[in-house]
Amino acid sequence: AGTPGRCNVMTIGWGQLGTLWNKPVCTVYVRP
């Protein structure tokens, strides 16, 4: 996530893939 000027990555172990509002979606979870 981020912009060309400032971007970061993190490892994720929680996520979901499916359909919502007739769109293919991916849900990820991030602590504040």
Full PDB file with SEQRES, HELIX, SHEET, SSBOND, CRYST1, ORIGX, SCALE, CONECT and MASTER records, all heavy atoms in Angstrom:
SEQRES   1 A   32  ALA GLY THR PRO GLY ARG CYS ASN VAL MET THR ILE GLY          
SEQRES   2 A   32  TRP GLY GLN LEU GLY THR LEU TRP ASN LYS PRO VAL CYS          
SEQRES   3 A   32  THR VAL TYR VAL ARG PRO                                      
SHEET    1 AA1 2 GLY A   2  THR A   3  0                                        
SHEET    2 AA1 2 ARG A   6  CYS A   7 -1                                        
SHEET    1 AA2 2 GLY A  15  LEU A  20  0                                        
SHEET    2 AA2 2 LYS A  23  VAL A  28 -1                                        
CRYST1    1.000    1.000    1.000  90.00  90.00  90.00 P 1           1          
ORIGX1      1.000000  0.000000  0.000000        0.00000                         
ORIGX2      0.000000  1.000000  0.000000        0.00000                         
ORIGX3      0.000000  0.000000  1.000000        0.00000                         
SCALE1      1.000000  0.000000  0.000000        0.00000                         
SCALE2      0.000000  1.000000  0.000000        0.00000                         
SCALE3      0.000000  0.000000  1.000000        0.00000                         
ATOM      1  N   ALA A   1       0.852  -1.182   0.000  1.00  0.00           N  
ATOM      2  CA  ALA A   1       0.000   0.000   0.000  1.00  0.00           C  
ATOM      3  C   ALA A   1       0.891   1.237   0.000  1.00  0.00           C  
ATOM      4  O   ALA A   1       1.984   1.217   0.571  1.00  0.00           O  
ATOM      5  CB  ALA A   1      -0.918   0.011   1.222  1.00  0.00           C  
ATOM      6  N   GLY A   2       0.422   2.290  -0.641  1.00  0.00           N  
ATOM      7  CA  GLY A   2       1.187   3.536  -0.659  1.00  0.00           C  
ATOM      8  C   GLY A   2       1.205   4.182  -2.022  1.00  0.00           C  
ATOM      9  O   GLY A   2       0.364   3.907  -2.875  1.00  0.00           O  
ATOM     10  N   THR A   3       2.194   5.038  -2.198  1.00  0.00           N  
ATOM     11  CA  THR A   3       2.357   5.817  -3.425  1.00  0.00           C  
ATOM     12  C   THR A   3       3.788   5.646  -3.923  1.00  0.00           C  
ATOM     13  O   THR A   3       4.644   5.150  -3.179  1.00  0.00           O  
ATOM     14  CB  THR A   3       2.107   7.314  -3.152  1.00  0.00           C  
ATOM     15  OG1 THR A   3       3.128   7.783  -2.255  1.00  0.00           O  
ATOM     16  CG2 THR A   3       0.735   7.562  -2.554  1.00  0.00           C  
ATOM     17  N   PRO A   4       4.073   6.087  -5.146  1.00  0.00           N  
ATOM     18  CA  PRO A   4       5.459   5.995  -5.619  1.00  0.00           C  
ATOM     19  C   PRO A   4       6.457   6.706  -4.700  1.00  0.00           C  
ATOM     20  O   PRO A   4       7.601   6.290  -4.591  1.00  0.00           O  
ATOM     21  CB  PRO A   4       5.407   6.645  -7.003  1.00  0.00           C  
ATOM     22  CG  PRO A   4       4.009   6.414  -7.462  1.00  0.00           C  
ATOM     23  CD  PRO A   4       3.159   6.527  -6.211  1.00  0.00           C  
ATOM     24  N   GLY A   5       6.031   7.725  -4.010  1.00  0.00           N  
ATOM     25  CA  GLY A   5       6.929   8.438  -3.113  1.00  0.00           C  
ATOM     26  C   GLY A   5       7.066   7.805  -1.739  1.00  0.00           C  
ATOM     27  O   GLY A   5       8.041   8.057  -1.031  1.00  0.00           O  
ATOM     28  N   ARG A   6       6.106   6.950  -1.371  1.00  0.00           N  
ATOM     29  CA  ARG A   6       6.102   6.370  -0.026  1.00  0.00           C  
ATOM     30  C   ARG A   6       5.222   5.124  -0.025  1.00  0.00           C  
ATOM     31  O   ARG A   6       4.002   5.211  -0.108  1.00  0.00           O  
ATOM     32  CB  ARG A   6       5.554   7.417   0.944  1.00  0.00           C  
ATOM     33  CG  ARG A   6       5.866   7.145   2.368  1.00  0.00           C  
ATOM     34  CD  ARG A   6       5.693   8.436   3.185  1.00  0.00           C  
ATOM     35  NE  ARG A   6       5.776   8.091   4.588  1.00  0.00           N  
ATOM     36  CZ  ARG A   6       4.753   8.117   5.425  1.00  0.00           C  
ATOM     37  NH1 ARG A   6       3.570   8.506   5.008  1.00  0.00           N  
ATOM     38  NH2 ARG A   6       4.927   7.783   6.677  1.00  0.00           N  
ATOM     39  N   CYS A   7       5.851   3.981   0.089  1.00  0.00           N  
ATOM     40  CA  CYS A   7       5.141   2.707  -0.012  1.00  0.00           C  
ATOM     41  C   CYS A   7       5.659   1.751   1.059  1.00  0.00           C  
ATOM     42  O   CYS A   7       6.819   1.838   1.470  1.00  0.00           O  
ATOM     43  CB  CYS A   7       5.368   2.118  -1.409  1.00  0.00           C  
ATOM     44  SG  CYS A   7       4.468   0.600  -1.733  1.00  0.00           S  
ATOM     45  N   ASN A   8       4.805   0.845   1.509  1.00  0.00           N  
ATOM     46  CA  ASN A   8       5.217  -0.150   2.490  1.00  0.00           C  
ATOM     47  C   ASN A   8       4.558  -1.484   2.161  1.00  0.00           C  
ATOM     48  O   ASN A   8       3.520  -1.537   1.498  1.00  0.00           O  
ATOM     49  CB  ASN A   8       4.831   0.297   3.904  1.00  0.00           C  
ATOM     50  CG  ASN A   8       5.523  -0.525   4.963  1.00  0.00           C  
ATOM     51  OD1 ASN A   8       6.740  -0.675   4.967  1.00  0.00           O  
ATOM     52  ND2 ASN A   8       4.749  -1.088   5.875  1.00  0.00           N  
ATOM     53  N   VAL A   9       5.176  -2.540   2.640  1.00  0.00           N  
ATOM     54  CA  VAL A   9       4.617  -3.888   2.514  1.00  0.00           C  
ATOM     55  C   VAL A   9       4.614  -4.543   3.881  1.00  0.00           C  
ATOM     56  O   VAL A   9       5.413  -4.199   4.752  1.00  0.00           O  
ATOM     57  CB  VAL A   9       5.403  -4.770   1.514  1.00  0.00           C  
ATOM     58  CG1 VAL A   9       5.307  -4.212   0.110  1.00  0.00           C  
ATOM     59  CG2 VAL A   9       6.843  -4.943   1.933  1.00  0.00           C  
ATOM     60  N   MET A  10       3.702  -5.482   4.070  1.00  0.00           N  
ATOM     61  CA  MET A  10       3.674  -6.288   5.282  1.00  0.00           C  
ATOM     62  C   MET A  10       3.158  -7.677   4.936  1.00  0.00           C  
ATOM     63  O   MET A  10       2.383  -7.848   3.996  1.00  0.00           O  
ATOM     64  CB  MET A  10       2.803  -5.645   6.371  1.00  0.00           C  
ATOM     65  CG  MET A  10       1.332  -5.584   6.051  1.00  0.00           C  
ATOM     66  SD  MET A  10       0.318  -4.907   7.401  1.00  0.00           S  
ATOM     67  CE  MET A  10      -0.075  -6.382   8.324  1.00  0.00           C  
ATOM     68  N   THR A  11       3.616  -8.657   5.686  1.00  0.00           N  
ATOM     69  CA  THR A  11       3.141 -10.024   5.515  1.00  0.00           C  
ATOM     70  C   THR A  11       1.744 -10.130   6.099  1.00  0.00           C  
ATOM     71  O   THR A  11       1.476  -9.582   7.174  1.00  0.00           O  
ATOM     72  CB  THR A  11       4.089 -11.003   6.244  1.00  0.00           C  
ATOM     73  OG1 THR A  11       5.413 -10.807   5.738  1.00  0.00           O  
ATOM     74  CG2 THR A  11       3.678 -12.435   6.034  1.00  0.00           C  
ATOM     75  N   ILE A  12       0.847 -10.816   5.392  1.00  0.00           N  
ATOM     76  CA  ILE A  12      -0.510 -11.008   5.904  1.00  0.00           C  
ATOM     77  C   ILE A  12      -0.860 -12.492   5.899  1.00  0.00           C  
ATOM     78  O   ILE A  12      -0.490 -13.226   4.993  1.00  0.00           O  
ATOM     79  CB  ILE A  12      -1.565 -10.203   5.116  1.00  0.00           C  
ATOM     80  CG1 ILE A  12      -1.505 -10.501   3.612  1.00  0.00           C  
ATOM     81  CG2 ILE A  12      -1.406  -8.723   5.376  1.00  0.00           C  
ATOM     82  CD1 ILE A  12      -2.622  -9.868   2.815  1.00  0.00           C  
ATOM     83  N   GLY A  13      -1.555 -12.903   6.924  1.00  0.00           N  
ATOM     84  CA  GLY A  13      -1.988 -14.284   7.021  1.00  0.00           C  
ATOM     85  C   GLY A  13      -3.500 -14.422   6.999  1.00  0.00           C  
ATOM     86  O   GLY A  13      -4.030 -15.513   6.876  1.00  0.00           O  
ATOM     87  N   TRP A  14      -4.184 -13.313   7.147  1.00  0.00           N  
ATOM     88  CA  TRP A  14      -5.638 -13.322   7.134  1.00  0.00           C  
ATOM     89  C   TRP A  14      -6.136 -12.642   5.878  1.00  0.00           C  
ATOM     90  O   TRP A  14      -5.668 -11.561   5.513  1.00  0.00           O  
ATOM     91  CB  TRP A  14      -6.194 -12.557   8.319  1.00  0.00           C  
ATOM     92  CG  TRP A  14      -5.976 -13.173   9.663  1.00  0.00           C  
ATOM     93  CD1 TRP A  14      -5.234 -14.278   9.968  1.00  0.00           C  
ATOM     94  CD2 TRP A  14      -6.496 -12.693  10.892  1.00  0.00           C  
ATOM     95  NE1 TRP A  14      -5.265 -14.507  11.308  1.00  0.00           N  
ATOM     96  CE2 TRP A  14      -6.028 -13.556  11.906  1.00  0.00           C  
ATOM     97  CE3 TRP A  14      -7.296 -11.621  11.254  1.00  0.00           C  
ATOM     98  CZ2 TRP A  14      -6.359 -13.382  13.247  1.00  0.00           C  
ATOM     99  CZ3 TRP A  14      -7.617 -11.449  12.573  1.00  0.00           C  
ATOM    100  CH2 TRP A  14      -7.166 -12.321  13.563  1.00  0.00           C  
ATOM    101  N   GLY A  15      -7.097 -13.257   5.242  1.00  0.00           N  
ATOM    102  CA  GLY A  15      -7.699 -12.649   4.063  1.00  0.00           C  
ATOM    103  C   GLY A  15      -8.832 -13.509   3.548  1.00  0.00           C  
ATOM    104  O   GLY A  15      -8.977 -14.664   3.938  1.00  0.00           O  
ATOM    105  N   GLN A  16      -9.625 -12.903   2.708  1.00  0.00           N  
ATOM    106  CA  GLN A  16     -10.755 -13.600   2.111  1.00  0.00           C  
ATOM    107  C   GLN A  16     -10.893 -13.171   0.658  1.00  0.00           C  
ATOM    108  O   GLN A  16     -10.593 -12.021   0.312  1.00  0.00           O  
ATOM    109  CB  GLN A  16     -12.052 -13.252   2.850  1.00  0.00           C  
ATOM    110  CG  GLN A  16     -12.048 -13.715   4.282  1.00  0.00           C  
ATOM    111  CD  GLN A  16     -13.250 -13.196   5.044  1.00  0.00           C  
ATOM    112  OE1 GLN A  16     -13.536 -12.007   5.022  1.00  0.00           O  
ATOM    113  NE2 GLN A  16     -13.941 -14.087   5.723  1.00  0.00           N  
ATOM    114  N   LEU A  17     -11.384 -14.089  -0.139  1.00  0.00           N  
ATOM    115  CA  LEU A  17     -11.676 -13.816  -1.542  1.00  0.00           C  
ATOM    116  C   LEU A  17     -13.105 -14.240  -1.808  1.00  0.00           C  
ATOM    117  O   LEU A  17     -13.567 -15.238  -1.259  1.00  0.00           O  
ATOM    118  CB  LEU A  17     -10.733 -14.600  -2.451  1.00  0.00           C  
ATOM    119  CG  LEU A  17      -9.261 -14.248  -2.323  1.00  0.00           C  
ATOM    120  CD1 LEU A  17      -8.403 -15.303  -3.010  1.00  0.00           C  
ATOM    121  CD2 LEU A  17      -8.997 -12.884  -2.917  1.00  0.00           C  
ATOM    122  N   GLY A  18     -13.811 -13.481  -2.630  1.00  0.00           N  
ATOM    123  CA  GLY A  18     -15.185 -13.851  -2.940  1.00  0.00           C  
ATOM    124  C   GLY A  18     -15.857 -12.831  -3.819  1.00  0.00           C  
ATOM    125  O   GLY A  18     -15.205 -12.136  -4.605  1.00  0.00           O  
ATOM    126  N   THR A  19     -17.164 -12.724  -3.643  1.00  0.00           N  
ATOM    127  CA  THR A  19     -17.977 -11.815  -4.440  1.00  0.00           C  
ATOM    128  C   THR A  19     -18.813 -10.967  -3.501  1.00  0.00           C  
ATOM    129  O   THR A  19     -19.406 -11.470  -2.556  1.00  0.00           O  
ATOM    130  CB  THR A  19     -18.916 -12.609  -5.380  1.00  0.00           C  
ATOM    131  OG1 THR A  19     -18.121 -13.468  -6.188  1.00  0.00           O  
ATOM    132  CG2 THR A  19     -19.739 -11.689  -6.260  1.00  0.00           C  
ATOM    133  N   LEU A  20     -18.832  -9.658  -3.743  1.00  0.00           N  
ATOM    134  CA  LEU A  20     -19.642  -8.723  -2.976  1.00  0.00           C  
ATOM    135  C   LEU A  20     -20.167  -7.683  -3.951  1.00  0.00           C  
ATOM    136  O   LEU A  20     -19.390  -7.131  -4.751  1.00  0.00           O  
ATOM    137  CB  LEU A  20     -18.800  -8.060  -1.877  1.00  0.00           C  
ATOM    138  CG  LEU A  20     -19.499  -7.041  -0.986  1.00  0.00           C  
ATOM    139  CD1 LEU A  20     -20.587  -7.716  -0.145  1.00  0.00           C  
ATOM    140  CD2 LEU A  20     -18.489  -6.361  -0.071  1.00  0.00           C  
ATOM    141  N   TRP A  21     -21.453  -7.416  -3.911  1.00  0.00           N  
ATOM    142  CA  TRP A  21     -22.083  -6.453  -4.809  1.00  0.00           C  
ATOM    143  C   TRP A  21     -21.771  -6.801  -6.266  1.00  0.00           C  
ATOM    144  O   TRP A  21     -21.497  -5.933  -7.099  1.00  0.00           O  
ATOM    145  CB  TRP A  21     -21.680  -5.024  -4.470  1.00  0.00           C  
ATOM    146  CG  TRP A  21     -22.047  -4.630  -3.061  1.00  0.00           C  
ATOM    147  CD1 TRP A  21     -23.271  -4.792  -2.459  1.00  0.00           C  
ATOM    148  CD2 TRP A  21     -21.193  -4.036  -2.092  1.00  0.00           C  
ATOM    149  NE1 TRP A  21     -23.224  -4.330  -1.174  1.00  0.00           N  
ATOM    150  CE2 TRP A  21     -21.964  -3.857  -0.910  1.00  0.00           C  
ATOM    151  CE3 TRP A  21     -19.875  -3.636  -2.073  1.00  0.00           C  
ATOM    152  CZ2 TRP A  21     -21.443  -3.297   0.248  1.00  0.00           C  
ATOM    153  CZ3 TRP A  21     -19.364  -3.078  -0.920  1.00  0.00           C  
ATOM    154  CH2 TRP A  21     -20.139  -2.908   0.217  1.00  0.00           C  
ATOM    155  N   ASN A  22     -21.764  -8.103  -6.554  1.00  0.00           N  
ATOM    156  CA  ASN A  22     -21.494  -8.631  -7.899  1.00  0.00           C  
ATOM    157  C   ASN A  22     -20.108  -8.274  -8.418  1.00  0.00           C  
ATOM    158  O   ASN A  22     -19.889  -8.197  -9.619  1.00  0.00           O  
ATOM    159  CB  ASN A  22     -22.570  -8.190  -8.907  1.00  0.00           C  
ATOM    160  CG  ASN A  22     -23.889  -8.869  -8.634  1.00  0.00           C  
ATOM    161  OD1 ASN A  22     -23.929 -10.032  -8.231  1.00  0.00           O  
ATOM    162  ND2 ASN A  22     -24.975  -8.153  -8.831  1.00  0.00           N  
ATOM    163  N   LYS A  23     -19.169  -8.062  -7.519  1.00  0.00           N  
ATOM    164  CA  LYS A  23     -17.793  -7.764  -7.904  1.00  0.00           C  
ATOM    165  C   LYS A  23     -16.861  -8.776  -7.252  1.00  0.00           C  
ATOM    166  O   LYS A  23     -17.092  -9.191  -6.118  1.00  0.00           O  
ATOM    167  CB  LYS A  23     -17.400  -6.346  -7.441  1.00  0.00           C  
ATOM    168  CG  LYS A  23     -18.217  -5.251  -8.094  1.00  0.00           C  
ATOM    169  CD  LYS A  23     -17.752  -3.893  -7.642  1.00  0.00           C  
ATOM    170  CE  LYS A  23     -18.545  -2.786  -8.287  1.00  0.00           C  
ATOM    171  NZ  LYS A  23     -18.448  -2.712  -9.715  1.00  0.00           N  
ATOM    172  N   PRO A  24     -15.802  -9.171  -7.942  1.00  0.00           N  
ATOM    173  CA  PRO A  24     -14.800 -10.025  -7.292  1.00  0.00           C  
ATOM    174  C   PRO A  24     -14.045  -9.175  -6.273  1.00  0.00           C  
ATOM    175  O   PRO A  24     -13.612  -8.060  -6.583  1.00  0.00           O  
ATOM    176  CB  PRO A  24     -13.895 -10.459  -8.443  1.00  0.00           C  
ATOM    177  CG  PRO A  24     -14.027  -9.368  -9.460  1.00  0.00           C  
ATOM    178  CD  PRO A  24     -15.429  -8.830  -9.317  1.00  0.00           C  
ATOM    179  N   VAL A  25     -13.933  -9.676  -5.038  1.00  0.00           N  
ATOM    180  CA  VAL A  25     -13.316  -8.882  -3.977  1.00  0.00           C  
ATOM    181  C   VAL A  25     -12.282  -9.684  -3.195  1.00  0.00           C  
ATOM    182  O   VAL A  25     -12.295 -10.915  -3.169  1.00  0.00           O  
ATOM    183  CB  VAL A  25     -14.368  -8.323  -2.985  1.00  0.00           C  
ATOM    184  CG1 VAL A  25     -15.309  -7.346  -3.670  1.00  0.00           C  
ATOM    185  CG2 VAL A  25     -15.142  -9.438  -2.297  1.00  0.00           C  
ATOM    186  N   CYS A  26     -11.416  -8.912  -2.552  1.00  0.00           N  
ATOM    187  CA  CYS A  26     -10.430  -9.456  -1.626  1.00  0.00           C  
ATOM    188  C   CYS A  26     -10.520  -8.610  -0.356  1.00  0.00           C  
ATOM    189  O   CYS A  26     -10.549  -7.377  -0.434  1.00  0.00           O  
ATOM    190  CB  CYS A  26      -9.028  -9.352  -2.235  1.00  0.00           C  
ATOM    191  SG  CYS A  26      -7.724  -9.903  -1.129  1.00  0.00           S  
ATOM    192  N   THR A  27     -10.583  -9.273   0.790  1.00  0.00           N  
ATOM    193  CA  THR A  27     -10.597  -8.580   2.071  1.00  0.00           C  
ATOM    194  C   THR A  27      -9.324  -8.926   2.822  1.00  0.00           C  
ATOM    195  O   THR A  27      -8.954 -10.100   2.920  1.00  0.00           O  
ATOM    196  CB  THR A  27     -11.821  -8.976   2.913  1.00  0.00           C  
ATOM    197  OG1 THR A  27     -13.011  -8.675   2.170  1.00  0.00           O  
ATOM    198  CG2 THR A  27     -11.856  -8.236   4.245  1.00  0.00           C  
ATOM    199  N   VAL A  28      -8.666  -7.895   3.334  1.00  0.00           N  
ATOM    200  CA  VAL A  28      -7.458  -8.063   4.153  1.00  0.00           C  
ATOM    201  C   VAL A  28      -7.693  -7.368   5.486  1.00  0.00           C  
ATOM    202  O   VAL A  28      -8.577  -6.517   5.610  1.00  0.00           O  
ATOM    203  CB  VAL A  28      -6.198  -7.505   3.452  1.00  0.00           C  
ATOM    204  CG1 VAL A  28      -5.914  -8.264   2.160  1.00  0.00           C  
ATOM    205  CG2 VAL A  28      -6.329  -6.016   3.183  1.00  0.00           C  
ATOM    206  N   TYR A  29      -6.893  -7.731   6.476  1.00  0.00           N  
ATOM    207  CA  TYR A  29      -7.083  -7.228   7.833  1.00  0.00           C  
ATOM    208  C   TYR A  29      -5.774  -6.622   8.341  1.00  0.00           C  
ATOM    209  O   TYR A  29      -4.728  -7.261   8.268  1.00  0.00           O  
ATOM    210  CB  TYR A  29      -7.519  -8.376   8.747  1.00  0.00           C  
ATOM    211  CG  TYR A  29      -8.789  -9.026   8.261  1.00  0.00           C  
ATOM    212  CD1 TYR A  29      -8.765 -10.043   7.312  1.00  0.00           C  
ATOM    213  CD2 TYR A  29     -10.022  -8.576   8.720  1.00  0.00           C  
ATOM    214  CE1 TYR A  29      -9.938 -10.607   6.845  1.00  0.00           C  
ATOM    215  CE2 TYR A  29     -11.201  -9.143   8.259  1.00  0.00           C  
ATOM    216  CZ  TYR A  29     -11.155 -10.158   7.323  1.00  0.00           C  
ATOM    217  OH  TYR A  29     -12.313 -10.707   6.860  1.00  0.00           O  
ATOM    218  N   VAL A  30      -5.854  -5.401   8.852  1.00  0.00           N  
ATOM    219  CA  VAL A  30      -4.666  -4.694   9.323  1.00  0.00           C  
ATOM    220  C   VAL A  30      -4.970  -4.062  10.678  1.00  0.00           C  
ATOM    221  O   VAL A  30      -5.990  -3.386  10.834  1.00  0.00           O  
ATOM    222  CB  VAL A  30      -4.235  -3.597   8.316  1.00  0.00           C  
ATOM    223  CG1 VAL A  30      -2.982  -2.874   8.800  1.00  0.00           C  
ATOM    224  CG2 VAL A  30      -4.009  -4.192   6.922  1.00  0.00           C  
ATOM    225  N   ARG A  31      -4.074  -4.276  11.642  1.00  0.00           N  
ATOM    226  CA  ARG A  31      -4.215  -3.630  12.957  1.00  0.00           C  
ATOM    227  C   ARG A  31      -3.824  -2.161  12.842  1.00  0.00           C  
ATOM    228  O   ARG A  31      -2.887  -1.817  12.122  1.00  0.00           O  
ATOM    229  CB  ARG A  31      -3.293  -4.282  13.974  1.00  0.00           C  
ATOM    230  CG  ARG A  31      -3.753  -5.611  14.502  1.00  0.00           C  
ATOM    231  CD  ARG A  31      -2.748  -6.031  15.587  1.00  0.00           C  
ATOM    232  NE  ARG A  31      -2.934  -7.384  16.007  1.00  0.00           N  
ATOM    233  CZ  ARG A  31      -3.630  -7.735  17.087  1.00  0.00           C  
ATOM    234  NH1 ARG A  31      -4.188  -6.824  17.844  1.00  0.00           N  
ATOM    235  NH2 ARG A  31      -3.736  -9.003  17.413  1.00  0.00           N  
ATOM    236  N   PRO A  32      -4.476  -1.294  13.605  1.00  0.00           N  
ATOM    237  CA  PRO A  32      -4.130   0.137  13.579  1.00  0.00           C  
ATOM    238  C   PRO A  32      -2.689   0.425  13.999  1.00  0.00           C  
ATOM    239  O   PRO A  32      -2.135   1.445  13.598  1.00  0.00           O  
ATOM    240  CB  PRO A  32      -5.114   0.761  14.572  1.00  0.00           C  
ATOM    241  CG  PRO A  32      -6.263  -0.187  14.590  1.00  0.00           C  
ATOM    242  CD  PRO A  32      -5.665  -1.554  14.389  1.00  0.00           C  
TER     243      PRO A  32                                                      
MASTER        0    0    0    0    4    0    0    6  242    1    0    3          
END                                                                             
